[in-house]
Full PDB file with SEQRES, HELIX, SHEET, SSBOND, CRYST1, ORIGX, SCALE, CONECT and MASTER records, all heavy atoms in Angstrom:
SEQRES   1 A   30  HIS PHE CYS ILE GLY ASP THR LEU ALA ASP GLN GLN PRO          
SEQRES   2 A   30  SER PRO PHE ASP CYS ALA VAL SER ALA GLU VAL LYS ALA          
SEQRES   3 A   30  ARG VAL GLU ALA                                              
HELIX    1 AA1 CYS A    3  ASP A    6  1                                   4    
HELIX    2 AA2 PRO A   15  GLU A   29  1                                  15    
CRYST1    1.000    1.000    1.000  90.00  90.00  90.00 P 1           1          
ORIGX1      1.000000  0.000000  0.000000        0.00000                         
ORIGX2      0.000000  1.000000  0.000000        0.00000                         
ORIGX3      0.000000  0.000000  1.000000        0.00000                         
SCALE1      1.000000  0.000000  0.000000        0.00000                         
SCALE2      0.000000  1.000000  0.000000        0.00000                         
SCALE3      0.000000  0.000000  1.000000        0.00000                         
ATOM      1  N   HIS A   1       0.821  -1.210   0.000  1.00  0.00           N  
ATOM      2  CA  HIS A   1       0.000   0.000   0.000  1.00  0.00           C  
ATOM      3  C   HIS A   1       0.852   1.255   0.000  1.00  0.00           C  
ATOM      4  O   HIS A   1       0.541   2.230  -0.681  1.00  0.00           O  
ATOM      5  CB  HIS A   1      -0.903  -0.011   1.227  1.00  0.00           C  
ATOM      6  CG  HIS A   1      -1.672   1.261   1.419  1.00  0.00           C  
ATOM      7  ND1 HIS A   1      -2.816   1.552   0.717  1.00  0.00           N  
ATOM      8  CD2 HIS A   1      -1.427   2.329   2.206  1.00  0.00           C  
ATOM      9  CE1 HIS A   1      -3.262   2.742   1.088  1.00  0.00           C  
ATOM     10  NE2 HIS A   1      -2.432   3.226   1.988  1.00  0.00           N  
ATOM     11  N   PHE A   2       1.972   1.241   0.743  1.00  0.00           N  
ATOM     12  CA  PHE A   2       2.741   2.451   0.884  1.00  0.00           C  
ATOM     13  C   PHE A   2       3.696   2.717  -0.267  1.00  0.00           C  
ATOM     14  O   PHE A   2       4.093   3.838  -0.484  1.00  0.00           O  
ATOM     15  CB  PHE A   2       3.573   2.397   2.180  1.00  0.00           C  
ATOM     16  CG  PHE A   2       2.777   2.699   3.398  1.00  0.00           C  
ATOM     17  CD1 PHE A   2       2.536   1.729   4.338  1.00  0.00           C  
ATOM     18  CD2 PHE A   2       2.262   3.959   3.601  1.00  0.00           C  
ATOM     19  CE1 PHE A   2       1.808   2.012   5.466  1.00  0.00           C  
ATOM     20  CE2 PHE A   2       1.531   4.255   4.727  1.00  0.00           C  
ATOM     21  CZ  PHE A   2       1.306   3.285   5.661  1.00  0.00           C  
ATOM     22  N   CYS A   3       4.096   1.700  -1.007  1.00  0.00           N  
ATOM     23  CA  CYS A   3       5.211   1.905  -1.917  1.00  0.00           C  
ATOM     24  C   CYS A   3       4.779   2.299  -3.316  1.00  0.00           C  
ATOM     25  O   CYS A   3       5.595   2.741  -4.108  1.00  0.00           O  
ATOM     26  CB  CYS A   3       6.087   0.650  -1.981  1.00  0.00           C  
ATOM     27  SG  CYS A   3       5.310  -0.738  -2.827  1.00  0.00           S  
ATOM     28  N   ILE A   4       3.512   2.164  -3.668  1.00  0.00           N  
ATOM     29  CA  ILE A   4       3.112   2.369  -5.060  1.00  0.00           C  
ATOM     30  C   ILE A   4       3.252   3.818  -5.496  1.00  0.00           C  
ATOM     31  O   ILE A   4       4.036   4.149  -6.375  1.00  0.00           O  
ATOM     32  CB  ILE A   4       1.670   1.878  -5.284  1.00  0.00           C  
ATOM     33  CG1 ILE A   4       1.615   0.367  -5.066  1.00  0.00           C  
ATOM     34  CG2 ILE A   4       1.196   2.225  -6.688  1.00  0.00           C  
ATOM     35  CD1 ILE A   4       0.226  -0.205  -5.165  1.00  0.00           C  
ATOM     36  N   GLY A   5       2.481   4.721  -4.876  1.00  0.00           N  
ATOM     37  CA  GLY A   5       2.504   6.107  -5.312  1.00  0.00           C  
ATOM     38  C   GLY A   5       3.799   6.819  -4.969  1.00  0.00           C  
ATOM     39  O   GLY A   5       4.258   7.675  -5.720  1.00  0.00           O  
ATOM     40  N   ASP A   6       4.399   6.460  -3.813  1.00  0.00           N  
ATOM     41  CA  ASP A   6       5.557   7.209  -3.352  1.00  0.00           C  
ATOM     42  C   ASP A   6       6.819   6.919  -4.148  1.00  0.00           C  
ATOM     43  O   ASP A   6       7.799   7.647  -4.023  1.00  0.00           O  
ATOM     44  CB  ASP A   6       5.824   6.900  -1.856  1.00  0.00           C  
ATOM     45  CG  ASP A   6       4.695   7.417  -0.978  1.00  0.00           C  
ATOM     46  OD1 ASP A   6       4.012   8.351  -1.422  1.00  0.00           O  
ATOM     47  OD2 ASP A   6       4.515   6.893   0.122  1.00  0.00           O  
ATOM     48  N   THR A   7       6.840   5.864  -4.929  1.00  0.00           N  
ATOM     49  CA  THR A   7       8.045   5.538  -5.677  1.00  0.00           C  
ATOM     50  C   THR A   7       8.034   6.126  -7.080  1.00  0.00           C  
ATOM     51  O   THR A   7       8.979   5.943  -7.837  1.00  0.00           O  
ATOM     52  CB  THR A   7       8.220   4.005  -5.781  1.00  0.00           C  
ATOM     53  OG1 THR A   7       7.036   3.438  -6.343  1.00  0.00           O  
ATOM     54  CG2 THR A   7       8.494   3.394  -4.420  1.00  0.00           C  
ATOM     55  N   LEU A   8       6.949   6.851  -7.446  1.00  0.00           N  
ATOM     56  CA  LEU A   8       6.896   7.488  -8.753  1.00  0.00           C  
ATOM     57  C   LEU A   8       7.825   8.694  -8.770  1.00  0.00           C  
ATOM     58  O   LEU A   8       7.905   9.445  -7.811  1.00  0.00           O  
ATOM     59  CB  LEU A   8       5.465   7.937  -9.069  1.00  0.00           C  
ATOM     60  CG  LEU A   8       4.436   6.806  -9.174  1.00  0.00           C  
ATOM     61  CD1 LEU A   8       3.059   7.404  -9.427  1.00  0.00           C  
ATOM     62  CD2 LEU A   8       4.801   5.842 -10.293  1.00  0.00           C  
ATOM     63  N   ALA A   9       8.506   8.910  -9.881  1.00  0.00           N  
ATOM     64  CA  ALA A   9       9.431  10.034  -9.996  1.00  0.00           C  
ATOM     65  C   ALA A   9       9.402  10.570 -11.414  1.00  0.00           C  
ATOM     66  O   ALA A   9       8.903   9.918 -12.333  1.00  0.00           O  
ATOM     67  CB  ALA A   9      10.850   9.591  -9.627  1.00  0.00           C  
ATOM     68  N   ASP A  10       9.957  11.775 -11.589  1.00  0.00           N  
ATOM     69  CA  ASP A  10       9.975  12.388 -12.908  1.00  0.00           C  
ATOM     70  C   ASP A  10      10.924  11.637 -13.848  1.00  0.00           C  
ATOM     71  O   ASP A  10      10.708  11.548 -15.039  1.00  0.00           O  
ATOM     72  CB  ASP A  10      10.411  13.852 -12.810  1.00  0.00           C  
ATOM     73  CG  ASP A  10       9.371  14.692 -12.084  1.00  0.00           C  
ATOM     74  OD1 ASP A  10       8.184  14.295 -12.113  1.00  0.00           O  
ATOM     75  OD2 ASP A  10       9.751  15.718 -11.516  1.00  0.00           O  
ATOM     76  N   GLN A  11      12.040  11.137 -13.307  1.00  0.00           N  
ATOM     77  CA  GLN A  11      12.978  10.381 -14.123  1.00  0.00           C  
ATOM     78  C   GLN A  11      12.360   9.038 -14.503  1.00  0.00           C  
ATOM     79  O   GLN A  11      11.354   8.639 -13.968  1.00  0.00           O  
ATOM     80  CB  GLN A  11      14.283  10.165 -13.361  1.00  0.00           C  
ATOM     81  CG  GLN A  11      15.019  11.458 -13.008  1.00  0.00           C  
ATOM     82  CD  GLN A  11      14.500  12.102 -11.752  1.00  0.00           C  
ATOM     83  OE1 GLN A  11      13.657  11.532 -11.067  1.00  0.00           O  
ATOM     84  NE2 GLN A  11      14.993  13.288 -11.458  1.00  0.00           N  
ATOM     85  N   GLN A  12      13.022   8.368 -15.427  1.00  0.00           N  
ATOM     86  CA  GLN A  12      12.565   7.057 -15.865  1.00  0.00           C  
ATOM     87  C   GLN A  12      13.548   5.993 -15.389  1.00  0.00           C  
ATOM     88  O   GLN A  12      14.466   5.605 -16.114  1.00  0.00           O  
ATOM     89  CB  GLN A  12      12.443   7.024 -17.405  1.00  0.00           C  
ATOM     90  CG  GLN A  12      11.389   7.963 -17.960  1.00  0.00           C  
ATOM     91  CD  GLN A  12       9.990   7.540 -17.535  1.00  0.00           C  
ATOM     92  OE1 GLN A  12       9.690   6.359 -17.433  1.00  0.00           O  
ATOM     93  NE2 GLN A  12       9.127   8.517 -17.300  1.00  0.00           N  
ATOM     94  N   PRO A  13      13.409   5.521 -14.160  1.00  0.00           N  
ATOM     95  CA  PRO A  13      14.342   4.512 -13.655  1.00  0.00           C  
ATOM     96  C   PRO A  13      14.117   3.168 -14.329  1.00  0.00           C  
ATOM     97  O   PRO A  13      13.050   2.900 -14.867  1.00  0.00           O  
ATOM     98  CB  PRO A  13      14.001   4.436 -12.159  1.00  0.00           C  
ATOM     99  CG  PRO A  13      12.567   4.848 -12.097  1.00  0.00           C  
ATOM    100  CD  PRO A  13      12.383   5.878 -13.179  1.00  0.00           C  
ATOM    101  N   SER A  14      15.139   2.343 -14.259  1.00  0.00           N  
ATOM    102  CA  SER A  14      15.025   1.018 -14.841  1.00  0.00           C  
ATOM    103  C   SER A  14      14.108   0.149 -13.991  1.00  0.00           C  
ATOM    104  O   SER A  14      13.868   0.460 -12.821  1.00  0.00           O  
ATOM    105  CB  SER A  14      16.408   0.366 -14.907  1.00  0.00           C  
ATOM    106  OG  SER A  14      16.869   0.070 -13.593  1.00  0.00           O  
ATOM    107  N   PRO A  15      13.586  -0.941 -14.547  1.00  0.00           N  
ATOM    108  CA  PRO A  15      12.758  -1.854 -13.746  1.00  0.00           C  
ATOM    109  C   PRO A  15      13.487  -2.347 -12.504  1.00  0.00           C  
ATOM    110  O   PRO A  15      12.880  -2.516 -11.438  1.00  0.00           O  
ATOM    111  CB  PRO A  15      12.449  -2.990 -14.718  1.00  0.00           C  
ATOM    112  CG  PRO A  15      12.502  -2.340 -16.060  1.00  0.00           C  
ATOM    113  CD  PRO A  15      13.610  -1.324 -15.962  1.00  0.00           C  
ATOM    114  N   PHE A  16      14.805  -2.562 -12.627  1.00  0.00           N  
ATOM    115  CA  PHE A  16      15.579  -3.016 -11.468  1.00  0.00           C  
ATOM    116  C   PHE A  16      15.595  -1.940 -10.385  1.00  0.00           C  
ATOM    117  O   PHE A  16      15.402  -2.234  -9.197  1.00  0.00           O  
ATOM    118  CB  PHE A  16      17.015  -3.345 -11.883  1.00  0.00           C  
ATOM    119  CG  PHE A  16      17.904  -3.712 -10.729  1.00  0.00           C  
ATOM    120  CD1 PHE A  16      17.843  -4.973 -10.146  1.00  0.00           C  
ATOM    121  CD2 PHE A  16      18.796  -2.776 -10.209  1.00  0.00           C  
ATOM    122  CE1 PHE A  16      18.657  -5.295  -9.075  1.00  0.00           C  
ATOM    123  CE2 PHE A  16      19.617  -3.100  -9.133  1.00  0.00           C  
ATOM    124  CZ  PHE A  16      19.549  -4.359  -8.569  1.00  0.00           C  
ATOM    125  N   ASP A  17      15.833  -0.682 -10.797  1.00  0.00           N  
ATOM    126  CA  ASP A  17      15.841   0.416  -9.822  1.00  0.00           C  
ATOM    127  C   ASP A  17      14.486   0.548  -9.128  1.00  0.00           C  
ATOM    128  O   ASP A  17      14.417   0.802  -7.927  1.00  0.00           O  
ATOM    129  CB  ASP A  17      16.181   1.739 -10.516  1.00  0.00           C  
ATOM    130  CG  ASP A  17      17.639   1.798 -10.957  1.00  0.00           C  
ATOM    131  OD1 ASP A  17      18.451   1.083 -10.358  1.00  0.00           O  
ATOM    132  OD2 ASP A  17      17.939   2.544 -11.904  1.00  0.00           O  
ATOM    133  N   CYS A  18      13.418   0.376  -9.909  1.00  0.00           N  
ATOM    134  CA  CYS A  18      12.073   0.441  -9.329  1.00  0.00           C  
ATOM    135  C   CYS A  18      11.874  -0.658  -8.289  1.00  0.00           C  
ATOM    136  O   CYS A  18      11.306  -0.416  -7.227  1.00  0.00           O  
ATOM    137  CB  CYS A  18      11.020   0.299 -10.431  1.00  0.00           C  
ATOM    138  SG  CYS A  18      10.866   1.748 -11.488  1.00  0.00           S  
ATOM    139  N   ALA A  19      12.350  -1.854  -8.625  1.00  0.00           N  
ATOM    140  CA  ALA A  19      12.185  -2.980  -7.708  1.00  0.00           C  
ATOM    141  C   ALA A  19      12.956  -2.754  -6.422  1.00  0.00           C  
ATOM    142  O   ALA A  19      12.455  -3.004  -5.316  1.00  0.00           O  
ATOM    143  CB  ALA A  19      12.639  -4.274  -8.378  1.00  0.00           C  
ATOM    144  N   VAL A  20      14.187  -2.251  -6.551  1.00  0.00           N  
ATOM    145  CA  VAL A  20      15.012  -1.993  -5.368  1.00  0.00           C  
ATOM    146  C   VAL A  20      14.384  -0.896  -4.519  1.00  0.00           C  
ATOM    147  O   VAL A  20      14.287  -1.011  -3.294  1.00  0.00           O  
ATOM    148  CB  VAL A  20      16.448  -1.590  -5.779  1.00  0.00           C  
ATOM    149  CG1 VAL A  20      17.232  -1.096  -4.563  1.00  0.00           C  
ATOM    150  CG2 VAL A  20      17.157  -2.770  -6.425  1.00  0.00           C  
ATOM    151  N   SER A  21      13.931   0.188  -5.172  1.00  0.00           N  
ATOM    152  CA  SER A  21      13.312   1.294  -4.442  1.00  0.00           C  
ATOM    153  C   SER A  21      12.063   0.838  -3.708  1.00  0.00           C  
ATOM    154  O   SER A  21      11.839   1.194  -2.553  1.00  0.00           O  
ATOM    155  CB  SER A  21      12.968   2.426  -5.423  1.00  0.00           C  
ATOM    156  OG  SER A  21      12.299   3.470  -4.756  1.00  0.00           O  
ATOM    157  N   ALA A  22      11.243   0.028  -4.382  1.00  0.00           N  
ATOM    158  CA  ALA A  22      10.017  -0.469  -3.760  1.00  0.00           C  
ATOM    159  C   ALA A  22      10.340  -1.368  -2.578  1.00  0.00           C  
ATOM    160  O   ALA A  22       9.673  -1.312  -1.540  1.00  0.00           O  
ATOM    161  CB  ALA A  22       9.176  -1.222  -4.785  1.00  0.00           C  
ATOM    162  N   GLU A  23      11.381  -2.185  -2.711  1.00  0.00           N  
ATOM    163  CA  GLU A  23      11.753  -3.096  -1.625  1.00  0.00           C  
ATOM    164  C   GLU A  23      12.233  -2.316  -0.406  1.00  0.00           C  
ATOM    165  O   GLU A  23      11.851  -2.623   0.730  1.00  0.00           O  
ATOM    166  CB  GLU A  23      12.847  -4.053  -2.087  1.00  0.00           C  
ATOM    167  CG  GLU A  23      13.256  -5.055  -1.010  1.00  0.00           C  
ATOM    168  CD  GLU A  23      14.382  -5.969  -1.437  1.00  0.00           C  
ATOM    169  OE1 GLU A  23      14.870  -5.820  -2.574  1.00  0.00           O  
ATOM    170  OE2 GLU A  23      14.787  -6.836  -0.627  1.00  0.00           O  
ATOM    171  N   VAL A  24      13.058  -1.305  -0.646  1.00  0.00           N  
ATOM    172  CA  VAL A  24      13.571  -0.499   0.458  1.00  0.00           C  
ATOM    173  C   VAL A  24      12.428   0.247   1.135  1.00  0.00           C  
ATOM    174  O   VAL A  24      12.322   0.292   2.360  1.00  0.00           O  
ATOM    175  CB  VAL A  24      14.642   0.493  -0.038  1.00  0.00           C  
ATOM    176  CG1 VAL A  24      15.022   1.478   1.077  1.00  0.00           C  
ATOM    177  CG2 VAL A  24      15.878  -0.266  -0.511  1.00  0.00           C  
ATOM    178  N   LYS A  25      11.552   0.837   0.309  1.00  0.00           N  
ATOM    179  CA  LYS A  25      10.408   1.566   0.855  1.00  0.00           C  
ATOM    180  C   LYS A  25       9.532   0.651   1.703  1.00  0.00           C  
ATOM    181  O   LYS A  25       9.122   1.007   2.819  1.00  0.00           O  
ATOM    182  CB  LYS A  25       9.590   2.146  -0.307  1.00  0.00           C  
ATOM    183  CG  LYS A  25       8.286   2.817   0.095  1.00  0.00           C  
ATOM    184  CD  LYS A  25       8.523   4.081   0.876  1.00  0.00           C  
ATOM    185  CE  LYS A  25       7.203   4.787   1.137  1.00  0.00           C  
ATOM    186  NZ  LYS A  25       7.383   5.984   2.001  1.00  0.00           N  
ATOM    187  N   ALA A  26       9.264  -0.541   1.183  1.00  0.00           N  
ATOM    188  CA  ALA A  26       8.430  -1.486   1.906  1.00  0.00           C  
ATOM    189  C   ALA A  26       9.088  -1.902   3.217  1.00  0.00           C  
ATOM    190  O   ALA A  26       8.427  -2.040   4.252  1.00  0.00           O  
ATOM    191  CB  ALA A  26       8.153  -2.714   1.038  1.00  0.00           C  
ATOM    192  N   ARG A  27      10.410  -2.106   3.181  1.00  0.00           N  
ATOM    193  CA  ARG A  27      11.113  -2.540   4.389  1.00  0.00           C  
ATOM    194  C   ARG A  27      11.118  -1.444   5.448  1.00  0.00           C  
ATOM    195  O   ARG A  27      10.943  -1.717   6.641  1.00  0.00           O  
ATOM    196  CB  ARG A  27      12.545  -2.935   4.026  1.00  0.00           C  
ATOM    197  CG  ARG A  27      13.373  -3.419   5.210  1.00  0.00           C  
ATOM    198  CD  ARG A  27      12.688  -4.502   5.993  1.00  0.00           C  
ATOM    199  NE  ARG A  27      12.329  -5.649   5.163  1.00  0.00           N  
ATOM    200  CZ  ARG A  27      11.706  -6.724   5.616  1.00  0.00           C  
ATOM    201  NH1 ARG A  27      11.335  -6.788   6.889  1.00  0.00           N  
ATOM    202  NH2 ARG A  27      11.426  -7.721   4.806  1.00  0.00           N  
ATOM    203  N   VAL A  28      11.301  -0.193   5.017  1.00  0.00           N  
ATOM    204  CA  VAL A  28      11.278   0.918   5.971  1.00  0.00           C  
ATOM    205  C   VAL A  28       9.898   1.036   6.619  1.00  0.00           C  
ATOM    206  O   VAL A  28       9.772   1.216   7.825  1.00  0.00           O  
ATOM    207  CB  VAL A  28      11.662   2.238   5.276  1.00  0.00           C  
ATOM    208  CG1 VAL A  28      11.407   3.434   6.199  1.00  0.00           C  
ATOM    209  CG2 VAL A  28      13.137   2.206   4.870  1.00  0.00           C  
ATOM    210  N   GLU A  29       8.853   0.909   5.802  1.00  0.00           N  
ATOM    211  CA  GLU A  29       7.492   0.988   6.342  1.00  0.00           C  
ATOM    212  C   GLU A  29       7.230  -0.171   7.303  1.00  0.00           C  
ATOM    213  O   GLU A  29       6.592   0.007   8.344  1.00  0.00           O  
ATOM    214  CB  GLU A  29       6.462   0.968   5.203  1.00  0.00           C  
ATOM    215  CG  GLU A  29       6.486   2.203   4.319  1.00  0.00           C  
ATOM    216  CD  GLU A  29       5.935   3.438   5.020  1.00  0.00           C  
ATOM    217  OE1 GLU A  29       5.460   3.325   6.156  1.00  0.00           O  
ATOM    218  OE2 GLU A  29       5.980   4.524   4.403  1.00  0.00           O  
ATOM    219  N   ALA A  30       7.711  -1.366   6.950  1.00  0.00           N  
ATOM    220  CA  ALA A  30       7.517  -2.528   7.823  1.00  0.00           C  
ATOM    221  C   ALA A  30       8.255  -2.334   9.150  1.00  0.00           C  
ATOM    222  O   ALA A  30       7.733  -2.658  10.221  1.00  0.00           O  
ATOM    223  CB  ALA A  30       7.987  -3.796   7.117  1.00  0.00           C  
TER     224      ALA A  30                                                      
MASTER        0    0    0    2    0    0    0    6  223    1    0    3          
END                                                                             
């Protein structure tokens, strides 16, 4: 729930970067 909207950015990160960012965000929230 927390990682979807907050990981959007103006740049176009790679799918790998998105996955890493989402994982870190999810872990911090957890």
